[in-house]
């Protein structure tokens, strides 16, 4: 079974990599990933990867690049930090 990263997930990983000025090989090492760098590059190009690789990337993202919470319109206008999901 194979899975593909969404554009948002790819953006989150790429933002992490770019902010730290890493290339793909350095990012793979920083992740301590159990796969080779071409597999990571394939995932970042929105190509299908194995379910195990996909699962590893999701777990890594939840730890290192959590999804941003967006405040609702009223909270943003009031400069309140309450996200809309609460």
Protein backbone atom coordinates (compact mmCIF):
# COMPACT_ATOMS: atom_id res chain seq x y z
CA UNK A 1 0.00 0.00 0.00
CA UNK A 2 1.27 3.47 -0.84
CA UNK A 3 0.31 6.95 0.33
CA UNK A 4 1.03 10.48 -0.87
CA UNK A 5 1.71 13.54 1.27
CA UNK A 6 -0.70 16.45 0.91
CA UNK A 7 0.51 19.84 -0.29
CA UNK A 8 0.16 21.20 3.25
CA UNK A 9 2.29 18.39 4.67
CA UNK A 10 4.94 18.93 2.01
CA UNK A 11 4.92 22.65 2.75
CA UNK A 12 5.40 22.02 6.49
CA UNK A 13 8.41 19.74 5.92
CA UNK A 14 9.91 22.09 3.32
CA UNK A 15 9.45 25.08 5.62
CA UNK A 16 11.33 23.22 8.36
CA UNK A 17 14.14 22.34 5.91
CA UNK A 18 14.42 25.84 4.42
CA UNK A 19 14.37 27.60 7.81
CA UNK A 20 17.37 25.51 8.85
CA UNK A 21 19.12 25.79 5.47
CA UNK A 22 19.29 22.04 4.95
CA UNK A 23 19.40 20.05 1.78
CA UNK A 24 17.45 16.79 1.43
CA UNK A 25 20.33 14.62 2.68
CA UNK A 26 20.81 16.78 5.78
CA UNK A 27 17.06 16.76 6.45
CA UNK A 28 16.99 12.97 6.20
CA UNK A 29 19.84 12.76 8.74
CA UNK A 30 18.16 15.27 11.07
CA UNK A 31 14.98 13.20 10.94
CA UNK A 32 16.94 10.03 11.73
CA UNK A 33 14.73 8.47 9.08
CA UNK A 34 14.79 4.70 8.46
CA UNK A 35 14.73 5.22 4.68
CA UNK A 36 17.17 6.67 2.14
CA UNK A 37 17.16 10.30 0.99
CA UNK A 38 15.73 9.51 -2.49
CA UNK A 39 12.61 8.21 -0.72
CA UNK A 40 12.29 11.49 1.18
CA UNK A 41 12.75 13.45 -2.05
CA UNK A 42 10.08 11.31 -3.69
CA UNK A 43 7.66 12.05 -0.83
CA UNK A 44 8.38 15.79 -1.07
CA UNK A 45 7.60 15.69 -4.80
CA UNK A 46 4.10 14.36 -4.00
CA UNK A 47 4.91 10.88 -5.31
CA UNK A 48 3.55 7.75 -3.61
CA UNK A 49 5.69 6.24 -0.84
CA UNK A 50 5.19 3.15 1.31
CA UNK A 51 2.71 3.26 4.18
CA UNK A 52 5.59 2.83 6.66
CA UNK A 53 7.43 5.86 5.23
CA UNK A 54 4.21 7.88 5.21
CA UNK A 55 3.55 6.94 8.84
CA UNK A 56 7.08 7.92 9.87
CA UNK A 57 6.73 11.31 8.18
CA UNK A 58 3.36 11.99 9.86
CA UNK A 59 4.81 11.09 13.27
CA UNK A 60 7.85 13.28 12.66
CA UNK A 61 5.69 16.21 11.53
CA UNK A 62 3.47 15.99 14.59
CA UNK A 63 6.57 16.36 16.77
CA UNK A 64 8.66 18.87 14.82
CA UNK A 65 6.22 20.86 12.67
CA UNK A 66 2.84 20.96 14.39
CA UNK A 67 -0.04 22.34 12.36
CA UNK A 68 -0.70 26.02 12.94
CA UNK A 69 -3.91 27.00 14.69
CA UNK A 70 -5.79 29.85 13.06
CA UNK A 71 -7.84 32.17 15.27
CA UNK A 72 -11.37 32.96 14.21
CA UNK A 73 -12.25 36.43 12.91
CA UNK A 74 -13.53 37.82 16.21
CA UNK A 75 -10.51 36.57 18.15
CA UNK A 76 -8.15 38.02 15.54
CA UNK A 77 -9.94 41.39 15.67
CA UNK A 78 -9.79 41.37 19.48
CA UNK A 79 -6.11 40.29 19.36
CA UNK A 80 -7.10 37.19 21.34
CA UNK A 81 -5.08 34.01 20.88
CA UNK A 82 -8.01 31.58 21.11
CA UNK A 83 -7.94 29.28 18.06
CA UNK A 84 -11.18 28.66 16.21
CA UNK A 85 -11.06 24.95 17.06
CA UNK A 86 -11.80 25.70 20.72
